[in-house]
Amino acid sequence: MASPDLQSKVNQLTATIQGDVSSMVDEIERLKLRPVARKMHSCIVSCYDKAGKNGRKEQIEQCTQQCQMPYQTAGAVTQQELGNFQNRLQRAMMQCQDDAQGMITPDMGEDSRKMKRVEDSMLKCIEGVVSKSRDGLKPMKQRIESQMS
């Protein structure tokens, strides 16, 4: 259904939002997750130091599990937020497609102007979705980071 021009524009919009998400995730990983991971590893080393040669295996395991909790929680929060974001984006894109599909009539194949109006409407919808999604990145980043403090 989509013309090559429409597909190209949609691909550009998709690449834009993917780039923005990748940049945000990279920043969270570098500035927030890495320090949490470093702290986790230091904590694990101290578990072994405290146990020494005579500590029980169970004691070390319990200690290391406690050390891993903040990092595991941070990773889970990040994944959940990204998954929710992706689901919202997909639902909104599907709504744009559904709206465009609802505009199509049997005679559209013969009238390129009508088809162009449908495609323009769909592109406008997708541009709005991408814009709204980009606006939602900062609050999502804040939610993620607030769980790591």
N, C-alpha and C. Protein backbone atom coordinates (compact mmCIF):
# COMPACT_ATOMS: atom_id res chain seq x y z
N MET A 1 0.82 -1.19 0.00
CA MET A 1 0.00 0.00 0.00
C MET A 1 0.86 1.25 0.00
N ALA A 2 1.89 1.31 0.82
CA ALA A 2 2.67 2.53 0.97
C ALA A 2 3.56 2.77 -0.24
N SER A 3 3.61 4.03 -0.66
CA SER A 3 4.50 4.39 -1.76
C SER A 3 5.94 4.37 -1.27
N PRO A 4 6.88 4.27 -2.19
CA PRO A 4 8.29 4.30 -1.78
C PRO A 4 8.65 5.59 -1.03
N ASP A 5 8.05 6.70 -1.43
CA ASP A 5 8.31 7.98 -0.78
C ASP A 5 7.82 7.95 0.68
N LEU A 6 6.62 7.43 0.89
CA LEU A 6 6.08 7.33 2.25
C LEU A 6 6.94 6.38 3.08
N GLN A 7 7.30 5.25 2.51
CA GLN A 7 8.11 4.28 3.23
C GLN A 7 9.46 4.89 3.63
N SER A 8 10.05 5.66 2.74
CA SER A 8 11.33 6.31 3.02
C SER A 8 11.20 7.29 4.18
N LYS A 9 10.14 8.08 4.17
CA LYS A 9 9.93 9.06 5.25
C LYS A 9 9.67 8.36 6.59
N VAL A 10 8.90 7.30 6.56
CA VAL A 10 8.63 6.53 7.78
C VAL A 10 9.93 5.91 8.30
N ASN A 11 10.75 5.40 7.40
CA ASN A 11 12.04 4.83 7.80
C ASN A 11 12.93 5.88 8.45
N GLN A 12 12.90 7.11 7.91
CA GLN A 12 13.69 8.20 8.49
C GLN A 12 13.20 8.52 9.90
N LEU A 13 11.89 8.58 10.08
CA LEU A 13 11.32 8.86 11.40
C LEU A 13 11.67 7.76 12.39
N THR A 14 11.59 6.51 11.91
CA THR A 14 11.92 5.37 12.76
C THR A 14 13.39 5.42 13.18
N ALA A 15 14.26 5.75 12.23
CA ALA A 15 15.69 5.85 12.54
C ALA A 15 15.95 6.96 13.55
N THR A 16 15.21 8.04 13.45
CA THR A 16 15.37 9.16 14.38
C THR A 16 15.04 8.73 15.80
N ILE A 17 13.91 8.09 15.99
CA ILE A 17 13.50 7.69 17.34
C ILE A 17 14.42 6.59 17.87
N GLN A 18 14.85 5.68 17.00
CA GLN A 18 15.78 4.64 17.43
C GLN A 18 17.11 5.24 17.87
N GLY A 19 17.58 6.24 17.14
CA GLY A 19 18.82 6.91 17.51
C GLY A 19 18.71 7.62 18.85
N ASP A 20 17.58 8.28 19.06
CA ASP A 20 17.35 8.97 20.34
C ASP A 20 17.32 7.99 21.50
N VAL A 21 16.64 6.87 21.31
CA VAL A 21 16.55 5.86 22.37
C VAL A 21 17.93 5.27 22.64
N SER A 22 18.67 4.96 21.58
CA SER A 22 20.02 4.41 21.76
C SER A 22 20.92 5.36 22.52
N SER A 23 20.85 6.64 22.20
CA SER A 23 21.66 7.63 22.90
C SER A 23 21.29 7.70 24.37
N MET A 24 20.00 7.67 24.66
CA MET A 24 19.56 7.73 26.05
C MET A 24 20.02 6.49 26.82
N VAL A 25 19.87 5.31 26.22
CA VAL A 25 20.26 4.07 26.88
C VAL A 25 21.78 4.06 27.12
N ASP A 26 22.53 4.53 26.13
CA ASP A 26 23.98 4.59 26.27
C ASP A 26 24.37 5.51 27.43
N GLU A 27 23.72 6.64 27.53
CA GLU A 27 24.02 7.58 28.61
C GLU A 27 23.67 6.98 29.97
N ILE A 28 22.54 6.31 30.07
CA ILE A 28 22.16 5.66 31.33
C ILE A 28 23.18 4.59 31.69
N GLU A 29 23.59 3.82 30.69
CA GLU A 29 24.56 2.74 30.95
C GLU A 29 25.89 3.33 31.44
N ARG A 30 26.38 4.37 30.78
CA ARG A 30 27.67 4.95 31.14
C ARG A 30 27.64 5.67 32.48
N LEU A 31 26.60 6.46 32.70
CA LEU A 31 26.58 7.33 33.87
C LEU A 31 25.90 6.74 35.09
N LYS A 32 25.03 5.78 34.90
CA LYS A 32 24.29 5.23 36.04
C LYS A 32 24.58 3.74 36.28
N LEU A 33 24.46 2.93 35.24
CA LEU A 33 24.63 1.48 35.44
C LEU A 33 26.08 1.08 35.74
N ARG A 34 27.02 1.71 35.07
CA ARG A 34 28.42 1.35 35.32
C ARG A 34 28.84 1.59 36.77
N PRO A 35 28.52 2.74 37.35
CA PRO A 35 28.88 2.92 38.76
C PRO A 35 28.20 1.89 39.68
N VAL A 36 26.96 1.55 39.37
CA VAL A 36 26.25 0.53 40.16
C VAL A 36 26.95 -0.82 40.00
N ALA A 37 27.37 -1.14 38.78
CA ALA A 37 28.08 -2.41 38.53
C ALA A 37 29.43 -2.43 39.24
N ARG A 38 30.11 -1.32 39.22
CA ARG A 38 31.41 -1.24 39.90
C ARG A 38 31.24 -1.47 41.40
N LYS A 39 30.25 -0.82 41.95
CA LYS A 39 29.96 -0.98 43.38
C LYS A 39 29.62 -2.44 43.70
N MET A 40 28.85 -3.08 42.82
CA MET A 40 28.48 -4.48 43.00
C MET A 40 29.73 -5.36 43.05
N HIS A 41 30.62 -5.16 42.11
CA HIS A 41 31.83 -5.99 42.07
C HIS A 41 32.72 -5.76 43.29
N SER A 42 32.84 -4.52 43.72
CA SER A 42 33.62 -4.22 44.93
C SER A 42 33.00 -4.90 46.14
N CYS A 43 31.68 -4.86 46.20
CA CYS A 43 30.95 -5.49 47.30
C CYS A 43 31.20 -7.00 47.31
N ILE A 44 31.17 -7.61 46.14
CA ILE A 44 31.39 -9.06 46.04
C ILE A 44 32.80 -9.42 46.51
N VAL A 45 33.78 -8.62 46.11
CA VAL A 45 35.16 -8.87 46.56
C VAL A 45 35.23 -8.79 48.09
N SER A 46 34.53 -7.81 48.66
CA SER A 46 34.56 -7.69 50.13
C SER A 46 33.88 -8.89 50.80
N CYS A 47 32.90 -9.50 50.13
CA CYS A 47 32.28 -10.71 50.67
C CYS A 47 33.33 -11.81 50.85
N TYR A 48 34.17 -11.96 49.83
CA TYR A 48 35.23 -12.98 49.90
C TYR A 48 36.29 -12.60 50.94
N ASP A 49 36.59 -11.30 51.01
CA ASP A 49 37.57 -10.85 52.00
C ASP A 49 37.08 -11.11 53.42
N LYS A 50 35.81 -10.81 53.67
CA LYS A 50 35.23 -11.01 55.00
C LYS A 50 35.20 -12.50 55.38
N ALA A 51 34.88 -13.33 54.41
CA ALA A 51 34.77 -14.76 54.68
C ALA A 51 36.14 -15.38 54.90
N GLY A 52 37.15 -14.84 54.24
CA GLY A 52 38.49 -15.39 54.38
C GLY A 52 38.54 -16.85 53.95
N LYS A 53 39.47 -17.56 54.51
CA LYS A 53 39.64 -18.97 54.16
C LYS A 53 38.70 -19.88 54.93
N ASN A 54 38.13 -19.38 56.01
CA ASN A 54 37.32 -20.24 56.87
C ASN A 54 35.81 -19.98 56.77
N GLY A 55 35.39 -18.99 55.97
CA GLY A 55 33.97 -18.67 55.85
C GLY A 55 33.20 -19.77 55.13
N ARG A 56 31.92 -19.85 55.47
CA ARG A 56 31.07 -20.85 54.83
C ARG A 56 30.67 -20.40 53.42
N LYS A 57 30.51 -21.37 52.55
CA LYS A 57 30.10 -21.11 51.16
C LYS A 57 28.75 -20.38 51.12
N GLU A 58 27.83 -20.80 51.96
CA GLU A 58 26.49 -20.20 52.00
C GLU A 58 26.57 -18.73 52.39
N GLN A 59 27.48 -18.42 53.31
CA GLN A 59 27.67 -17.04 53.77
C GLN A 59 28.12 -16.17 52.59
N ILE A 60 29.05 -16.69 51.81
CA ILE A 60 29.56 -15.94 50.65
C ILE A 60 28.45 -15.77 49.61
N GLU A 61 27.70 -16.83 49.36
CA GLU A 61 26.62 -16.75 48.38
C GLU A 61 25.56 -15.74 48.78
N GLN A 62 25.19 -15.74 50.04
CA GLN A 62 24.18 -14.79 50.52
C GLN A 62 24.69 -13.37 50.40
N CYS A 63 25.94 -13.17 50.77
CA CYS A 63 26.55 -11.85 50.69
C CYS A 63 26.59 -11.36 49.24
N THR A 64 27.04 -12.21 48.33
CA THR A 64 27.15 -11.80 46.92
C THR A 64 25.77 -11.54 46.30
N GLN A 65 24.78 -12.31 46.72
CA GLN A 65 23.42 -12.06 46.22
C GLN A 65 22.93 -10.68 46.65
N GLN A 66 23.23 -10.31 47.87
CA GLN A 66 22.85 -8.97 48.36
C GLN A 66 23.56 -7.89 47.55
N CYS A 67 24.83 -8.14 47.22
CA CYS A 67 25.60 -7.18 46.44
C CYS A 67 25.01 -6.99 45.03
N GLN A 68 24.46 -8.03 44.47
CA GLN A 68 23.95 -7.99 43.10
C GLN A 68 22.57 -7.35 42.98
N MET A 69 21.86 -7.27 44.08
CA MET A 69 20.47 -6.78 44.03
C MET A 69 20.32 -5.39 43.39
N PRO A 70 21.10 -4.38 43.79
CA PRO A 70 20.90 -3.06 43.17
C PRO A 70 21.11 -3.06 41.66
N TYR A 71 22.12 -3.79 41.20
CA TYR A 71 22.40 -3.83 39.77
C TYR A 71 21.29 -4.57 39.02
N GLN A 72 20.85 -5.67 39.57
CA GLN A 72 19.76 -6.43 38.94
C GLN A 72 18.48 -5.60 38.89
N THR A 73 18.21 -4.88 39.96
CA THR A 73 17.01 -4.03 40.01
C THR A 73 17.12 -2.92 38.97
N ALA A 74 18.28 -2.29 38.88
CA ALA A 74 18.48 -1.21 37.91
C ALA A 74 18.29 -1.72 36.47
N GLY A 75 18.84 -2.90 36.20
CA GLY A 75 18.68 -3.48 34.86
C GLY A 75 17.24 -3.82 34.56
N ALA A 76 16.54 -4.35 35.55
CA ALA A 76 15.13 -4.72 35.35
C ALA A 76 14.27 -3.48 35.13
N VAL A 77 14.52 -2.42 35.88
CA VAL A 77 13.76 -1.18 35.72
C VAL A 77 13.99 -0.61 34.33
N THR A 78 15.24 -0.62 33.90
CA THR A 78 15.58 -0.09 32.57
C THR A 78 14.86 -0.90 31.48
N GLN A 79 14.93 -2.21 31.58
CA GLN A 79 14.28 -3.07 30.58
C GLN A 79 12.76 -2.89 30.58
N GLN A 80 12.17 -2.77 31.76
CA GLN A 80 10.73 -2.59 31.84
C GLN A 80 10.30 -1.27 31.21
N GLU A 81 11.01 -0.21 31.52
CA GLU A 81 10.67 1.10 30.95
C GLU A 81 10.83 1.09 29.43
N LEU A 82 11.92 0.49 28.95
CA LEU A 82 12.13 0.42 27.50
C LEU A 82 11.05 -0.43 26.82
N GLY A 83 10.68 -1.52 27.46
CA GLY A 83 9.62 -2.36 26.91
C GLY A 83 8.29 -1.63 26.86
N ASN A 84 7.97 -0.90 27.92
CA ASN A 84 6.72 -0.12 27.94
C ASN A 84 6.74 0.96 26.86
N PHE A 85 7.88 1.61 26.70
CA PHE A 85 8.03 2.64 25.67
C PHE A 85 7.80 2.04 24.29
N GLN A 86 8.45 0.92 24.03
CA GLN A 86 8.32 0.25 22.74
C GLN A 86 6.86 -0.16 22.48
N ASN A 87 6.19 -0.67 23.49
CA ASN A 87 4.78 -1.06 23.33
C ASN A 87 3.90 0.14 23.01
N ARG A 88 4.13 1.26 23.71
CA ARG A 88 3.33 2.47 23.44
C ARG A 88 3.57 2.94 22.02
N LEU A 89 4.82 2.94 21.60
CA LEU A 89 5.17 3.39 20.25
C LEU A 89 4.52 2.49 19.19
N GLN A 90 4.60 1.19 19.39
CA GLN A 90 4.00 0.25 18.43
C GLN A 90 2.49 0.43 18.36
N ARG A 91 1.84 0.58 19.52
CA ARG A 91 0.38 0.76 19.51
C ARG A 91 0.00 2.04 18.77
N ALA A 92 0.74 3.12 19.00
CA ALA A 92 0.44 4.39 18.34
C ALA A 92 0.66 4.28 16.83
N MET A 93 1.71 3.59 16.42
CA MET A 93 1.96 3.41 14.98
C MET A 93 0.86 2.56 14.34
N MET A 94 0.42 1.54 15.06
CA MET A 94 -0.66 0.70 14.55
C MET A 94 -1.94 1.52 14.41
N GLN A 95 -2.18 2.43 15.35
CA GLN A 95 -3.37 3.28 15.26
C GLN A 95 -3.30 4.15 14.01
N CYS A 96 -2.13 4.67 13.69
CA CYS A 96 -1.96 5.45 12.46
C CYS A 96 -2.29 4.60 11.23
N GLN A 97 -1.79 3.38 11.22
CA GLN A 97 -2.07 2.48 10.10
C GLN A 97 -3.56 2.16 10.02
N ASP A 98 -4.18 1.91 11.18
CA ASP A 98 -5.62 1.61 11.20
C ASP A 98 -6.43 2.79 10.69
N ASP A 99 -6.05 4.00 11.12
CA ASP A 99 -6.76 5.20 10.68
C ASP A 99 -6.64 5.37 9.16
N ALA A 100 -5.45 5.14 8.64
CA ALA A 100 -5.25 5.25 7.19
C ALA A 100 -6.05 4.19 6.46
N GLN A 101 -6.04 2.98 6.98
CA GLN A 101 -6.78 1.88 6.35
C GLN A 101 -8.27 2.20 6.31
N GLY A 102 -8.75 2.86 7.37
CA GLY A 102 -10.17 3.22 7.42
C GLY A 102 -10.56 4.27 6.40
N MET A 103 -9.60 5.00 5.88
CA MET A 103 -9.88 6.04 4.89
C MET A 103 -9.93 5.49 3.46
N ILE A 104 -9.44 4.28 3.27
CA ILE A 104 -9.33 3.72 1.92
C ILE A 104 -10.69 3.21 1.43
N THR A 105 -11.00 3.59 0.21
CA THR A 105 -12.23 3.14 -0.45
C THR A 105 -11.86 2.31 -1.68
N PRO A 106 -12.82 1.55 -2.21
CA PRO A 106 -12.51 0.68 -3.35
C PRO A 106 -11.94 1.40 -4.57
N ASP A 107 -12.27 2.67 -4.77
CA ASP A 107 -11.81 3.38 -5.97
C ASP A 107 -10.44 4.04 -5.80
N MET A 108 -9.80 3.84 -4.67
CA MET A 108 -8.52 4.50 -4.39
C MET A 108 -7.42 4.09 -5.36
N GLY A 109 -7.43 2.86 -5.80
CA GLY A 109 -6.39 2.40 -6.71
C GLY A 109 -6.36 3.18 -8.01
N GLU A 110 -7.48 3.77 -8.37
CA GLU A 110 -7.59 4.51 -9.63
C GLU A 110 -7.37 6.00 -9.45
N ASP A 111 -7.33 6.47 -8.21
CA ASP A 111 -7.22 7.92 -7.96
C ASP A 111 -5.99 8.19 -7.09
N SER A 112 -4.91 8.59 -7.75
CA SER A 112 -3.66 8.81 -7.02
C SER A 112 -3.75 10.00 -6.06
N ARG A 113 -4.61 10.99 -6.35
CA ARG A 113 -4.75 12.13 -5.43
C ARG A 113 -5.37 11.69 -4.11
N LYS A 114 -6.38 10.83 -4.19
CA LYS A 114 -7.01 10.33 -2.95
C LYS A 114 -6.01 9.50 -2.15
N MET A 115 -5.24 8.67 -2.84
CA MET A 115 -4.25 7.83 -2.17
C MET A 115 -3.18 8.70 -1.52
N LYS A 116 -2.80 9.78 -2.20
CA LYS A 116 -1.81 10.70 -1.66
C LYS A 116 -2.34 11.35 -0.38
N ARG A 117 -3.62 11.69 -0.35
CA ARG A 117 -4.21 12.28 0.87
C ARG A 117 -4.15 11.28 2.03
N VAL A 118 -4.43 10.02 1.75
CA VAL A 118 -4.36 8.98 2.79
C VAL A 118 -2.92 8.86 3.30
N GLU A 119 -1.98 8.82 2.37
CA GLU A 119 -0.58 8.71 2.77
C GLU A 119 -0.11 9.93 3.55
N ASP A 120 -0.53 11.12 3.12
CA ASP A 120 -0.17 12.35 3.84
C ASP A 120 -0.74 12.34 5.26
N SER A 121 -1.97 11.87 5.37
CA SER A 121 -2.60 11.77 6.68
C SER A 121 -1.85 10.79 7.58
N MET A 122 -1.48 9.66 7.00
CA MET A 122 -0.74 8.66 7.76
C MET A 122 0.63 9.19 8.18
N LEU A 123 1.31 9.88 7.28
CA LEU A 123 2.62 10.44 7.60
C LEU A 123 2.50 11.49 8.71
N LYS A 124 1.49 12.31 8.63
CA LYS A 124 1.28 13.33 9.67
C LYS A 124 1.05 12.65 11.03
N CYS A 125 0.28 11.60 11.03
CA CYS A 125 0.01 10.85 12.25
C CYS A 125 1.31 10.26 12.82
N ILE A 126 2.10 9.65 11.96
CA ILE A 126 3.35 9.02 12.40
C ILE A 126 4.33 10.09 12.90
N GLU A 127 4.39 11.22 12.22
CA GLU A 127 5.25 12.32 12.69
C GLU A 127 4.84 12.76 14.08
N GLY A 128 3.52 12.82 14.32
CA GLY A 128 3.03 13.19 15.65
C GLY A 128 3.40 12.15 16.70
N VAL A 129 3.30 10.88 16.33
CA VAL A 129 3.66 9.79 17.24
C VAL A 129 5.13 9.87 17.61
N VAL A 130 5.98 10.06 16.60
CA VAL A 130 7.42 10.14 16.86
C VAL A 130 7.75 11.35 17.72
N SER A 131 7.13 12.47 17.43
CA SER A 131 7.37 13.68 18.22
C SER A 131 6.96 13.47 19.68
N LYS A 132 5.78 12.91 19.87
CA LYS A 132 5.30 12.65 21.23
C LYS A 132 6.20 11.64 21.94
N SER A 133 6.64 10.63 21.22
CA SER A 133 7.53 9.63 21.80
C SER A 133 8.87 10.24 22.19
N ARG A 134 9.40 11.11 21.34
CA ARG A 134 10.66 11.79 21.67
C ARG A 134 10.50 12.65 22.91
N ASP A 135 9.34 13.30 23.02
CA ASP A 135 9.07 14.11 24.21
C ASP A 135 9.01 13.26 25.47
N GLY A 136 8.65 11.99 25.31
CA GLY A 136 8.53 11.09 26.45
C GLY A 136 9.85 10.47 26.91
N LEU A 137 10.92 10.70 26.15
CA LEU A 137 12.20 10.10 26.52
C LEU A 137 12.78 10.69 27.80
N LYS A 138 12.68 11.99 27.95
CA LYS A 138 13.26 12.63 29.15
C LYS A 138 12.56 12.15 30.42
N PRO A 139 11.22 12.16 30.46
CA PRO A 139 10.56 11.63 31.67
C PRO A 139 10.88 10.16 31.92
N MET A 140 11.01 9.37 30.85
CA MET A 140 11.36 7.96 31.03
C MET A 140 12.76 7.84 31.62
N LYS A 141 13.68 8.63 31.13
CA LYS A 141 15.05 8.61 31.66
C LYS A 141 15.03 9.00 33.13
N GLN A 142 14.25 10.00 33.48
CA GLN A 142 14.16 10.42 34.88
C GLN A 142 13.60 9.32 35.76
N ARG A 143 12.59 8.61 35.25
CA ARG A 143 12.01 7.49 36.02
C ARG A 143 13.06 6.40 36.24
N ILE A 144 13.79 6.07 35.20
CA ILE A 144 14.83 5.05 35.31
C ILE A 144 15.88 5.47 36.32
N GLU A 145 16.38 6.69 36.16
CA GLU A 145 17.44 7.16 37.03
C GLU A 145 17.00 7.29 38.48
N SER A 146 15.75 7.63 38.69
CA SER A 146 15.26 7.79 40.06
C SER A 146 15.25 6.44 40.80
N GLN A 147 15.15 5.35 40.06
CA GLN A 147 15.16 4.02 40.66
C GLN A 147 16.58 3.56 40.99
N MET A 148 17.58 4.28 40.49
CA MET A 148 18.97 3.87 40.68
C MET A 148 19.68 4.67 41.76
N SER A 149 19.04 5.68 42.28
CA SER A 149 19.70 6.55 43.27
C SER A 149 19.75 5.91 44.63
